[in-house]
Amino acid sequence: MSHPRHELDDLLAHPVRFSIVALLAAASKVDFSFVRDHVEVTDSMLSKQISALEQAGYIKVEKGFVGKRGRTWLSITRDGRRTFDRHLAALREIASADVAASGRSVSL
């Protein structure tokens, strides 16, 4: 049997990227400023992390206008959702195994 850590995605191991994808997994499309404020990062930090996630194919970035103001919307892709779900399941499996093991007596 393989340890569930092998299902973790290295890109999502970064807390900010994980937080971004988790937020996008709960919505169809989210405004850049909403993500920035919710994840509590600067514009430049968010832009950098978005670039990495977009390059990996995990998120889609759409630019447009609302009136005369430029806007950026973010959404999760199918690959991004699959990767996030697999990563989250692995985290849950690791946590539940650790909880189960903590009830047992272990000698080293």
N, C-alpha and C. Protein backbone atom coordinates (compact mmCIF):
# COMPACT_ATOMS: atom_id res chain seq x y z
N MET A 1 0.85 -1.19 0.00
CA MET A 1 0.00 0.00 0.00
C MET A 1 0.89 1.24 0.00
N SER A 2 0.54 2.20 -0.80
CA SER A 2 1.31 3.43 -0.94
C SER A 2 0.80 4.50 0.03
N HIS A 3 1.70 5.27 0.56
CA HIS A 3 1.32 6.34 1.48
C HIS A 3 0.56 7.42 0.71
N PRO A 4 -0.49 7.99 1.30
CA PRO A 4 -1.29 8.99 0.60
C PRO A 4 -0.52 10.27 0.24
N ARG A 5 0.62 10.50 0.84
CA ARG A 5 1.39 11.70 0.51
C ARG A 5 1.80 11.72 -0.95
N HIS A 6 1.86 10.54 -1.57
CA HIS A 6 2.23 10.47 -2.98
C HIS A 6 1.17 11.08 -3.89
N GLU A 7 -0.02 11.29 -3.36
CA GLU A 7 -1.12 11.92 -4.12
C GLU A 7 -1.14 13.43 -3.95
N LEU A 8 -0.29 13.97 -3.08
CA LEU A 8 -0.23 15.42 -2.88
C LEU A 8 0.41 16.07 -4.10
N ASP A 9 -0.10 17.24 -4.45
CA ASP A 9 0.43 17.99 -5.58
C ASP A 9 1.42 19.03 -5.06
N ASP A 10 2.63 19.03 -5.59
CA ASP A 10 3.66 19.96 -5.12
C ASP A 10 3.25 21.42 -5.27
N LEU A 11 2.55 21.75 -6.34
CA LEU A 11 2.14 23.14 -6.57
C LEU A 11 1.14 23.59 -5.50
N LEU A 12 0.26 22.68 -5.08
CA LEU A 12 -0.74 23.03 -4.08
C LEU A 12 -0.21 22.93 -2.65
N ALA A 13 1.02 22.52 -2.49
CA ALA A 13 1.62 22.48 -1.15
C ALA A 13 1.88 23.88 -0.61
N HIS A 14 1.95 24.86 -1.50
CA HIS A 14 2.13 26.25 -1.09
C HIS A 14 0.81 26.77 -0.53
N PRO A 15 0.80 27.31 0.69
CA PRO A 15 -0.45 27.71 1.34
C PRO A 15 -1.28 28.74 0.55
N VAL A 16 -0.62 29.67 -0.10
CA VAL A 16 -1.38 30.69 -0.86
C VAL A 16 -2.02 30.06 -2.08
N ARG A 17 -1.28 29.23 -2.81
CA ARG A 17 -1.87 28.58 -3.99
C ARG A 17 -2.99 27.64 -3.59
N PHE A 18 -2.81 26.90 -2.49
CA PHE A 18 -3.87 26.03 -2.00
C PHE A 18 -5.11 26.85 -1.66
N SER A 19 -4.93 27.98 -0.99
CA SER A 19 -6.05 28.84 -0.60
C SER A 19 -6.78 29.39 -1.82
N ILE A 20 -6.05 29.77 -2.84
CA ILE A 20 -6.65 30.30 -4.06
C ILE A 20 -7.51 29.23 -4.73
N VAL A 21 -6.95 28.05 -4.91
CA VAL A 21 -7.68 26.98 -5.58
C VAL A 21 -8.88 26.53 -4.75
N ALA A 22 -8.74 26.48 -3.43
CA ALA A 22 -9.87 26.12 -2.57
C ALA A 22 -11.01 27.12 -2.73
N LEU A 23 -10.68 28.39 -2.79
CA LEU A 23 -11.70 29.43 -2.97
C LEU A 23 -12.37 29.29 -4.33
N LEU A 24 -11.57 29.06 -5.36
CA LEU A 24 -12.14 28.94 -6.71
C LEU A 24 -12.96 27.66 -6.87
N ALA A 25 -12.64 26.63 -6.12
CA ALA A 25 -13.39 25.37 -6.19
C ALA A 25 -14.82 25.55 -5.71
N ALA A 26 -15.06 26.59 -4.92
CA ALA A 26 -16.39 26.83 -4.35
C ALA A 26 -17.24 27.79 -5.19
N ALA A 27 -16.72 28.25 -6.32
CA ALA A 27 -17.44 29.24 -7.12
C ALA A 27 -17.20 28.98 -8.60
N SER A 28 -18.04 29.58 -9.44
CA SER A 28 -17.84 29.40 -10.88
C SER A 28 -16.83 30.40 -11.44
N LYS A 29 -16.87 31.63 -10.93
CA LYS A 29 -15.96 32.68 -11.39
C LYS A 29 -15.82 33.70 -10.27
N VAL A 30 -14.59 34.12 -10.00
CA VAL A 30 -14.34 35.02 -8.88
C VAL A 30 -13.47 36.19 -9.35
N ASP A 31 -13.80 37.38 -8.89
CA ASP A 31 -13.05 38.59 -9.22
C ASP A 31 -11.70 38.58 -8.50
N PHE A 32 -10.67 39.05 -9.19
CA PHE A 32 -9.31 39.12 -8.66
C PHE A 32 -9.28 39.77 -7.28
N SER A 33 -9.94 40.92 -7.15
CA SER A 33 -9.89 41.66 -5.88
C SER A 33 -10.54 40.88 -4.74
N PHE A 34 -11.58 40.11 -5.05
CA PHE A 34 -12.22 39.29 -4.02
C PHE A 34 -11.25 38.21 -3.53
N VAL A 35 -10.55 37.57 -4.48
CA VAL A 35 -9.57 36.54 -4.10
C VAL A 35 -8.45 37.17 -3.27
N ARG A 36 -7.95 38.31 -3.74
CA ARG A 36 -6.86 39.01 -3.02
C ARG A 36 -7.27 39.31 -1.58
N ASP A 37 -8.47 39.85 -1.41
CA ASP A 37 -8.92 40.22 -0.07
C ASP A 37 -9.21 39.00 0.80
N HIS A 38 -9.79 37.97 0.20
CA HIS A 38 -10.14 36.77 0.95
C HIS A 38 -8.90 35.99 1.39
N VAL A 39 -7.92 35.90 0.51
CA VAL A 39 -6.70 35.14 0.80
C VAL A 39 -5.69 36.00 1.59
N GLU A 40 -5.95 37.30 1.62
CA GLU A 40 -5.12 38.25 2.37
C GLU A 40 -3.68 38.31 1.88
N VAL A 41 -3.53 38.63 0.59
CA VAL A 41 -2.22 38.80 -0.03
C VAL A 41 -2.21 40.10 -0.83
N THR A 42 -1.04 40.51 -1.24
CA THR A 42 -0.92 41.71 -2.07
C THR A 42 -1.26 41.37 -3.52
N ASP A 43 -1.48 42.40 -4.32
CA ASP A 43 -1.73 42.21 -5.75
C ASP A 43 -0.59 41.45 -6.40
N SER A 44 0.64 41.85 -6.09
CA SER A 44 1.79 41.22 -6.74
C SER A 44 1.94 39.76 -6.32
N MET A 45 1.70 39.44 -5.06
CA MET A 45 1.78 38.05 -4.60
C MET A 45 0.71 37.21 -5.29
N LEU A 46 -0.51 37.76 -5.36
CA LEU A 46 -1.59 37.02 -6.01
C LEU A 46 -1.28 36.82 -7.49
N SER A 47 -0.80 37.84 -8.16
CA SER A 47 -0.47 37.73 -9.59
C SER A 47 0.57 36.64 -9.83
N LYS A 48 1.58 36.60 -8.98
CA LYS A 48 2.64 35.59 -9.12
C LYS A 48 2.07 34.18 -8.96
N GLN A 49 1.23 33.99 -7.96
CA GLN A 49 0.67 32.66 -7.70
C GLN A 49 -0.33 32.27 -8.79
N ILE A 50 -1.09 33.24 -9.28
CA ILE A 50 -2.03 32.98 -10.37
C ILE A 50 -1.28 32.53 -11.61
N SER A 51 -0.17 33.17 -11.90
CA SER A 51 0.63 32.78 -13.07
C SER A 51 1.08 31.33 -12.99
N ALA A 52 1.54 30.92 -11.81
CA ALA A 52 1.98 29.53 -11.63
C ALA A 52 0.81 28.56 -11.80
N LEU A 53 -0.34 28.90 -11.24
CA LEU A 53 -1.51 28.03 -11.35
C LEU A 53 -2.06 27.99 -12.77
N GLU A 54 -2.04 29.13 -13.44
CA GLU A 54 -2.51 29.17 -14.83
C GLU A 54 -1.58 28.37 -15.73
N GLN A 55 -0.29 28.51 -15.53
CA GLN A 55 0.69 27.78 -16.34
C GLN A 55 0.52 26.27 -16.17
N ALA A 56 0.15 25.84 -14.98
CA ALA A 56 -0.07 24.41 -14.71
C ALA A 56 -1.41 23.93 -15.26
N GLY A 57 -2.25 24.86 -15.68
CA GLY A 57 -3.56 24.50 -16.21
C GLY A 57 -4.62 24.31 -15.14
N TYR A 58 -4.37 24.79 -13.93
CA TYR A 58 -5.30 24.62 -12.82
C TYR A 58 -6.37 25.70 -12.78
N ILE A 59 -6.05 26.88 -13.27
CA ILE A 59 -7.04 27.97 -13.27
C ILE A 59 -7.06 28.65 -14.63
N LYS A 60 -8.17 29.34 -14.88
CA LYS A 60 -8.34 30.11 -16.11
C LYS A 60 -8.47 31.58 -15.70
N VAL A 61 -7.81 32.44 -16.45
CA VAL A 61 -7.84 33.88 -16.18
C VAL A 61 -8.55 34.56 -17.35
N GLU A 62 -9.57 35.35 -17.03
CA GLU A 62 -10.30 36.10 -18.05
C GLU A 62 -10.21 37.58 -17.71
N LYS A 63 -9.91 38.38 -18.70
CA LYS A 63 -9.84 39.83 -18.51
C LYS A 63 -10.95 40.48 -19.31
N GLY A 64 -11.49 41.55 -18.76
CA GLY A 64 -12.57 42.26 -19.43
C GLY A 64 -12.79 43.60 -18.76
N PHE A 65 -13.90 44.21 -19.08
CA PHE A 65 -14.23 45.52 -18.53
C PHE A 65 -15.62 45.50 -17.93
N VAL A 66 -15.77 46.25 -16.86
CA VAL A 66 -17.06 46.57 -16.29
C VAL A 66 -17.11 48.09 -16.35
N GLY A 67 -17.91 48.59 -17.28
CA GLY A 67 -17.86 50.02 -17.57
C GLY A 67 -16.51 50.31 -18.21
N LYS A 68 -15.79 51.25 -17.65
CA LYS A 68 -14.47 51.59 -18.18
C LYS A 68 -13.34 50.98 -17.36
N ARG A 69 -13.70 50.24 -16.33
CA ARG A 69 -12.69 49.66 -15.44
C ARG A 69 -12.31 48.25 -15.88
N GLY A 70 -11.03 48.00 -15.98
CA GLY A 70 -10.54 46.67 -16.29
C GLY A 70 -10.75 45.72 -15.12
N ARG A 71 -11.14 44.51 -15.43
CA ARG A 71 -11.37 43.49 -14.40
C ARG A 71 -10.71 42.18 -14.80
N THR A 72 -10.36 41.40 -13.80
CA THR A 72 -9.80 40.07 -14.00
C THR A 72 -10.63 39.08 -13.20
N TRP A 73 -11.09 38.02 -13.87
CA TRP A 73 -11.86 36.98 -13.22
C TRP A 73 -11.08 35.68 -13.28
N LEU A 74 -11.20 34.91 -12.23
CA LEU A 74 -10.49 33.64 -12.11
C LEU A 74 -11.50 32.51 -11.94
N SER A 75 -11.19 31.38 -12.54
CA SER A 75 -12.03 30.19 -12.36
C SER A 75 -11.13 28.96 -12.37
N ILE A 76 -11.62 27.91 -11.76
CA ILE A 76 -10.85 26.65 -11.71
C ILE A 76 -11.17 25.85 -12.97
N THR A 77 -10.19 25.15 -13.49
CA THR A 77 -10.39 24.29 -14.66
C THR A 77 -10.75 22.88 -14.20
N ARG A 78 -11.13 22.04 -15.14
CA ARG A 78 -11.42 20.63 -14.80
C ARG A 78 -10.18 19.96 -14.21
N ASP A 79 -9.04 20.19 -14.85
CA ASP A 79 -7.80 19.61 -14.32
C ASP A 79 -7.49 20.15 -12.93
N GLY A 80 -7.72 21.44 -12.74
CA GLY A 80 -7.50 22.05 -11.44
C GLY A 80 -8.39 21.44 -10.37
N ARG A 81 -9.65 21.23 -10.72
CA ARG A 81 -10.59 20.63 -9.76
C ARG A 81 -10.18 19.20 -9.42
N ARG A 82 -9.83 18.43 -10.43
CA ARG A 82 -9.39 17.04 -10.19
C ARG A 82 -8.16 17.00 -9.29
N THR A 83 -7.21 17.87 -9.58
CA THR A 83 -5.98 17.92 -8.79
C THR A 83 -6.28 18.35 -7.36
N PHE A 84 -7.12 19.38 -7.21
CA PHE A 84 -7.48 19.86 -5.88
C PHE A 84 -8.19 18.77 -5.08
N ASP A 85 -9.16 18.10 -5.71
CA ASP A 85 -9.91 17.04 -5.03
C ASP A 85 -8.99 15.91 -4.58
N ARG A 86 -8.04 15.52 -5.46
CA ARG A 86 -7.10 14.46 -5.12
C ARG A 86 -6.17 14.90 -3.97
N HIS A 87 -5.70 16.13 -4.04
CA HIS A 87 -4.82 16.69 -3.00
C HIS A 87 -5.55 16.73 -1.66
N LEU A 88 -6.78 17.22 -1.68
CA LEU A 88 -7.57 17.32 -0.45
C LEU A 88 -7.88 15.95 0.14
N ALA A 89 -8.20 14.99 -0.73
CA ALA A 89 -8.47 13.62 -0.25
C ALA A 89 -7.22 13.03 0.40
N ALA A 90 -6.06 13.30 -0.18
CA ALA A 90 -4.81 12.80 0.40
C ALA A 90 -4.55 13.43 1.76
N LEU A 91 -4.79 14.73 1.87
CA LEU A 91 -4.62 15.39 3.17
C LEU A 91 -5.55 14.79 4.22
N ARG A 92 -6.79 14.55 3.83
CA ARG A 92 -7.76 13.96 4.77
C ARG A 92 -7.34 12.55 5.18
N GLU A 93 -6.85 11.78 4.21
CA GLU A 93 -6.42 10.42 4.52
C GLU A 93 -5.21 10.42 5.45
N ILE A 94 -4.28 11.31 5.20
CA ILE A 94 -3.11 11.43 6.08
C ILE A 94 -3.55 11.83 7.49
N ALA A 95 -4.43 12.82 7.58
CA ALA A 95 -4.90 13.28 8.90
C ALA A 95 -5.67 12.19 9.63
N SER A 96 -6.52 11.46 8.92
CA SER A 96 -7.30 10.41 9.60
C SER A 96 -6.41 9.25 10.03
N ALA A 97 -5.38 8.95 9.27
CA ALA A 97 -4.45 7.88 9.66
C ALA A 97 -3.65 8.30 10.88
N ASP A 98 -3.26 9.59 10.92
CA ASP A 98 -2.51 10.07 12.06
C ASP A 98 -3.36 10.08 13.33
N VAL A 99 -4.65 10.40 13.19
CA VAL A 99 -5.55 10.40 14.34
C VAL A 99 -5.74 8.97 14.83
N ALA A 100 -5.92 8.03 13.90
CA ALA A 100 -6.10 6.64 14.28
C ALA A 100 -4.85 6.10 14.96
N ALA A 101 -3.70 6.46 14.44
CA ALA A 101 -2.44 5.97 15.01
C ALA A 101 -2.18 6.57 16.38
N SER A 102 -2.66 7.78 16.63
CA SER A 102 -2.38 8.43 17.91
C SER A 102 -3.09 7.74 19.07
N GLY A 103 -4.10 6.95 18.78
CA GLY A 103 -4.80 6.23 19.82
C GLY A 103 -4.10 4.94 20.21
N ARG A 104 -3.12 4.53 19.43
CA ARG A 104 -2.40 3.30 19.69
C ARG A 104 -1.10 3.56 20.43
N SER A 105 -0.66 2.58 21.13
CA SER A 105 0.62 2.65 21.80
C SER A 105 1.70 2.24 20.80
N VAL A 106 2.71 3.08 20.67
CA VAL A 106 3.80 2.80 19.73
C VAL A 106 5.11 2.84 20.48
N SER A 107 5.93 1.83 20.29
CA SER A 107 7.25 1.86 20.90
C SER A 107 8.30 1.84 19.81
N LEU A 108 9.32 2.62 20.00
CA LEU A 108 10.40 2.72 19.02
C LEU A 108 11.66 2.14 19.58
